[in-house]
């Protein structure tokens, strides 16, 4: 797999894991839905039920912007296994044109957002470093 193929697989994936670093330096990983806009991965806090809106991932990024996004494919045929990881310094956006573009991109990828686009903070992660692995070519 080359970089173009890794980015194609990343962009086409329906879900990912977002890893951030807690203030005590321990990892924090949550599943996310996301979209790719240019050279950025975007995800947003949406209306799905949450215990609190004071989410750990947002607090983590406020203290340390380092983040990773991981997508992968698993199957019983281990010849088909692959993963793609993006590492970058994230920023959290509460409103404005970039926030609106993120909401539109997510609504374009996920039909569940067509009637109720996400309105919470957007997390924007520039694709600073992209790494990948594939079991077979």
C-alpha atoms as a PDB file:
ATOM      1  CA  UNK A   1       0.000   0.000   0.000  1.00  0.00           C
ATOM      2  CA  UNK A   2       1.291   3.480  -0.817  1.00  0.00           C
ATOM      3  CA  UNK A   3       0.259   6.827   0.700  1.00  0.00           C
ATOM      4  CA  UNK A   4      -2.504   7.443  -1.878  1.00  0.00           C
ATOM      5  CA  UNK A   5      -4.043   4.033  -1.172  1.00  0.00           C
ATOM      6  CA  UNK A   6      -3.727   4.568   2.591  1.00  0.00           C
ATOM      7  CA  UNK A   7      -5.565   7.909   2.299  1.00  0.00           C
ATOM      8  CA  UNK A   8      -8.240   6.330   0.077  1.00  0.00           C
ATOM      9  CA  UNK A   9      -8.869   3.634   2.685  1.00  0.00           C
ATOM     10  CA  UNK A  10      -8.860   6.196   5.487  1.00  0.00           C
ATOM     11  CA  UNK A  11     -11.346   8.458   3.694  1.00  0.00           C
ATOM     12  CA  UNK A  12     -13.658   5.545   2.858  1.00  0.00           C
ATOM     13  CA  UNK A  13     -13.779   4.175   6.395  1.00  0.00           C
ATOM     14  CA  UNK A  14     -17.005   4.667   8.335  1.00  0.00           C
ATOM     15  CA  UNK A  15     -15.562   4.786  11.842  1.00  0.00           C
ATOM     16  CA  UNK A  16     -12.265   5.322  13.607  1.00  0.00           C
ATOM     17  CA  UNK A  17     -10.686   5.618  17.010  1.00  0.00           C
ATOM     18  CA  UNK A  18      -9.499   8.982  18.323  1.00  0.00           C
ATOM     19  CA  UNK A  19      -6.601   8.830  20.763  1.00  0.00           C
ATOM     20  CA  UNK A  20      -5.715  11.782  22.962  1.00  0.00           C
ATOM     21  CA  UNK A  21      -3.505  12.216  26.021  1.00  0.00           C
ATOM     22  CA  UNK A  22      -4.996  12.903  29.446  1.00  0.00           C
ATOM     23  CA  UNK A  23      -3.357  15.587  31.602  1.00  0.00           C
ATOM     24  CA  UNK A  24      -1.764  12.765  33.660  1.00  0.00           C
ATOM     25  CA  UNK A  25      -0.131  11.479  30.411  1.00  0.00           C
ATOM     26  CA  UNK A  26      -2.267   8.357  30.144  1.00  0.00           C
ATOM     27  CA  UNK A  27      -3.941   7.530  26.814  1.00  0.00           C
ATOM     28  CA  UNK A  28      -7.640   8.086  26.156  1.00  0.00           C
ATOM     29  CA  UNK A  29      -9.271   6.408  23.139  1.00  0.00           C
ATOM     30  CA  UNK A  30     -12.856   6.786  21.894  1.00  0.00           C
ATOM     31  CA  UNK A  31     -14.682   5.637  18.755  1.00  0.00           C
ATOM     32  CA  UNK A  32     -15.640   8.419  16.348  1.00  0.00           C
ATOM     33  CA  UNK A  33     -17.255   9.112  13.027  1.00  0.00           C
ATOM     34  CA  UNK A  34     -15.266  11.486  10.869  1.00  0.00           C
ATOM     35  CA  UNK A  35     -14.784  13.067   7.469  1.00  0.00           C
ATOM     36  CA  UNK A  36     -11.739  14.218   5.549  1.00  0.00           C
ATOM     37  CA  UNK A  37     -11.630  17.807   4.279  1.00  0.00           C
ATOM     38  CA  UNK A  38      -8.512  18.495   2.251  1.00  0.00           C
ATOM     39  CA  UNK A  39      -5.619  17.572   4.508  1.00  0.00           C
ATOM     40  CA  UNK A  40      -7.674  17.492   7.726  1.00  0.00           C
ATOM     41  CA  UNK A  41      -9.690  14.901   9.599  1.00  0.00           C
ATOM     42  CA  UNK A  42     -12.801  16.389  11.195  1.00  0.00           C
ATOM     43  CA  UNK A  43     -15.104  15.017  13.844  1.00  0.00           C
ATOM     44  CA  UNK A  44     -17.686  16.756  16.013  1.00  0.00           C
ATOM     45  CA  UNK A  45     -19.503  16.364  19.269  1.00  0.00           C
ATOM     46  CA  UNK A  46     -23.021  15.433  18.263  1.00  0.00           C
ATOM     47  CA  UNK A  47     -26.419  14.782  19.812  1.00  0.00           C
ATOM     48  CA  UNK A  48     -25.897  11.092  20.604  1.00  0.00           C
ATOM     49  CA  UNK A  49     -26.448  10.461  24.347  1.00  0.00           C
ATOM     50  CA  UNK A  50     -23.465  11.261  26.554  1.00  0.00           C
ATOM     51  CA  UNK A  51     -23.065  11.295  30.307  1.00  0.00           C
ATOM     52  CA  UNK A  52     -21.773  14.873  30.130  1.00  0.00           C
ATOM     53  CA  UNK A  53     -20.925  17.534  27.558  1.00  0.00           C
ATOM     54  CA  UNK A  54     -17.669  18.160  29.456  1.00  0.00           C
ATOM     55  CA  UNK A  55     -15.992  15.396  27.461  1.00  0.00           C
ATOM     56  CA  UNK A  56     -12.598  14.016  28.374  1.00  0.00           C
ATOM     57  CA  UNK A  57     -11.362  14.246  24.775  1.00  0.00           C
ATOM     58  CA  UNK A  58     -12.012  18.004  24.714  1.00  0.00           C
ATOM     59  CA  UNK A  59     -10.283  18.513  28.063  1.00  0.00           C
ATOM     60  CA  UNK A  60      -7.368  16.417  26.843  1.00  0.00           C
ATOM     61  CA  UNK A  61      -6.950  18.459  23.665  1.00  0.00           C
ATOM     62  CA  UNK A  62      -7.132  21.688  25.637  1.00  0.00           C
ATOM     63  CA  UNK A  63      -4.171  20.528  27.727  1.00  0.00           C
ATOM     64  CA  UNK A  64      -2.255  18.775  24.924  1.00  0.00           C
ATOM     65  CA  UNK A  65      -3.239  19.020  21.229  1.00  0.00           C
ATOM     66  CA  UNK A  66      -1.490  15.786  20.198  1.00  0.00           C
ATOM     67  CA  UNK A  67      -3.978  13.312  18.720  1.00  0.00           C
ATOM     68  CA  UNK A  68      -4.064  10.164  16.623  1.00  0.00           C
ATOM     69  CA  UNK A  69      -6.847   8.758  14.481  1.00  0.00           C
ATOM     70  CA  UNK A  70      -6.776   5.045  13.628  1.00  0.00           C
ATOM     71  CA  UNK A  71      -8.871   3.194  11.055  1.00  0.00           C
ATOM     72  CA  UNK A  72      -8.475  -0.489  10.347  1.00  0.00           C
ATOM     73  CA  UNK A  73      -9.945  -3.498   8.636  1.00  0.00           C
ATOM     74  CA  UNK A  74     -10.182  -6.838  10.392  1.00  0.00           C
ATOM     75  CA  UNK A  75     -11.333 -10.099   8.887  1.00  0.00           C
ATOM     76  CA  UNK A  76     -10.885 -13.790   9.549  1.00  0.00           C
ATOM     77  CA  UNK A  77      -8.738 -13.881   6.399  1.00  0.00           C
ATOM     78  CA  UNK A  78      -5.597 -12.321   7.834  1.00  0.00           C
ATOM     79  CA  UNK A  79      -4.304 -11.669   4.322  1.00  0.00           C
ATOM     80  CA  UNK A  80      -6.840  -8.798   4.212  1.00  0.00           C
ATOM     81  CA  UNK A  81      -5.803  -6.978   7.395  1.00  0.00           C
ATOM     82  CA  UNK A  82      -4.734  -3.312   7.259  1.00  0.00           C
ATOM     83  CA  UNK A  83      -4.632  -0.113   9.274  1.00  0.00           C
ATOM     84  CA  UNK A  84      -3.977   3.585   8.702  1.00  0.00           C
ATOM     85  CA  UNK A  85      -3.035   6.051  11.449  1.00  0.00           C
ATOM     86  CA  UNK A  86      -2.884   9.840  11.320  1.00  0.00           C
ATOM     87  CA  UNK A  87      -1.011  11.832  13.955  1.00  0.00           C
ATOM     88  CA  UNK A  88      -1.304  15.584  14.303  1.00  0.00           C
ATOM     89  CA  UNK A  89      -1.919  18.560  16.528  1.00  0.00           C
ATOM     90  CA  UNK A  90      -5.684  18.991  16.867  1.00  0.00           C
ATOM     91  CA  UNK A  91      -7.628  22.163  17.402  1.00  0.00           C
ATOM     92  CA  UNK A  92     -11.157  22.547  18.731  1.00  0.00           C
ATOM     93  CA  UNK A  93     -13.484  24.945  16.904  1.00  0.00           C
ATOM     94  CA  UNK A  94     -16.776  26.101  18.451  1.00  0.00           C
ATOM     95  CA  UNK A  95     -18.285  28.035  15.551  1.00  0.00           C
ATOM     96  CA  UNK A  96     -17.558  29.863  12.311  1.00  0.00           C
ATOM     97  CA  UNK A  97     -16.931  28.788   8.718  1.00  0.00           C
ATOM     98  CA  UNK A  98     -14.575  25.916   9.572  1.00  0.00           C
ATOM     99  CA  UNK A  99     -17.139  24.545  12.029  1.00  0.00           C
ATOM    100  CA  UNK A 100     -19.866  24.799   9.372  1.00  0.00           C
ATOM    101  CA  UNK A 101     -17.674  22.995   6.799  1.00  0.00           C
ATOM    102  CA  UNK A 102     -17.052  20.186   9.278  1.00  0.00           C
ATOM    103  CA  UNK A 103     -20.787  19.776   9.969  1.00  0.00           C
ATOM    104  CA  UNK A 104     -21.565  19.771   6.238  1.00  0.00           C
ATOM    105  CA  UNK A 105     -18.855  17.191   5.514  1.00  0.00           C
ATOM    106  CA  UNK A 106     -20.147  14.898   8.248  1.00  0.00           C
ATOM    107  CA  UNK A 107     -23.758  15.282   7.043  1.00  0.00           C
ATOM    108  CA  UNK A 108     -22.555  14.448   3.534  1.00  0.00           C
ATOM    109  CA  UNK A 109     -20.926  11.224   4.730  1.00  0.00           C
ATOM    110  CA  UNK A 110     -23.476  10.083   7.336  1.00  0.00           C
ATOM    111  CA  UNK A 111     -27.184  10.150   6.494  1.00  0.00           C
ATOM    112  CA  UNK A 112     -27.984  10.188  10.220  1.00  0.00           C
ATOM    113  CA  UNK A 113     -26.834  13.834  10.265  1.00  0.00           C
ATOM    114  CA  UNK A 114     -28.960  15.048   7.357  1.00  0.00           C
ATOM    115  CA  UNK A 115     -31.937  16.004   9.527  1.00  0.00           C
ATOM    116  CA  UNK A 116     -29.888  16.846  12.598  1.00  0.00           C
ATOM    117  CA  UNK A 117     -26.328  17.952  11.836  1.00  0.00           C
ATOM    118  CA  UNK A 118     -23.881  18.023  14.721  1.00  0.00           C
ATOM    119  CA  UNK A 119     -23.652  21.375  16.498  1.00  0.00           C
ATOM    120  CA  UNK A 120     -21.084  20.719  19.214  1.00  0.00           C
ATOM    121  CA  UNK A 121     -17.410  21.561  19.025  1.00  0.00           C
ATOM    122  CA  UNK A 122     -15.509  20.380  15.969  1.00  0.00           C
ATOM    123  CA  UNK A 123     -12.154  18.662  16.348  1.00  0.00           C
ATOM    124  CA  UNK A 124      -9.861  19.339  13.403  1.00  0.00           C
ATOM    125  CA  UNK A 125      -6.760  17.173  13.042  1.00  0.00           C
ATOM    126  CA  UNK A 126      -4.311  18.100  10.288  1.00  0.00           C
ATOM    127  CA  UNK A 127      -2.822  14.985   8.726  1.00  0.00           C
ATOM    128  CA  UNK A 128       0.703  15.793   9.893  1.00  0.00           C
ATOM    129  CA  UNK A 129       2.014  12.238   9.818  1.00  0.00           C
ATOM    130  CA  UNK A 130       0.336   9.297   8.097  1.00  0.00           C
ATOM    131  CA  UNK A 131       1.486   5.722   8.694  1.00  0.00           C
ATOM    132  CA  UNK A 132      -0.008   2.439   7.545  1.00  0.00           C
ATOM    133  CA  UNK A 133       0.374  -1.305   7.429  1.00  0.00           C
ATOM    134  CA  UNK A 134      -1.136  -3.935   5.174  1.00  0.00           C
ATOM    135  CA  UNK A 135      -0.896  -7.702   5.469  1.00  0.00           C
ATOM    136  CA  UNK A 136      -0.581  -8.284   1.723  1.00  0.00           C
ATOM    137  CA  UNK A 137      -0.331  -6.196  -1.420  1.00  0.00           C
END
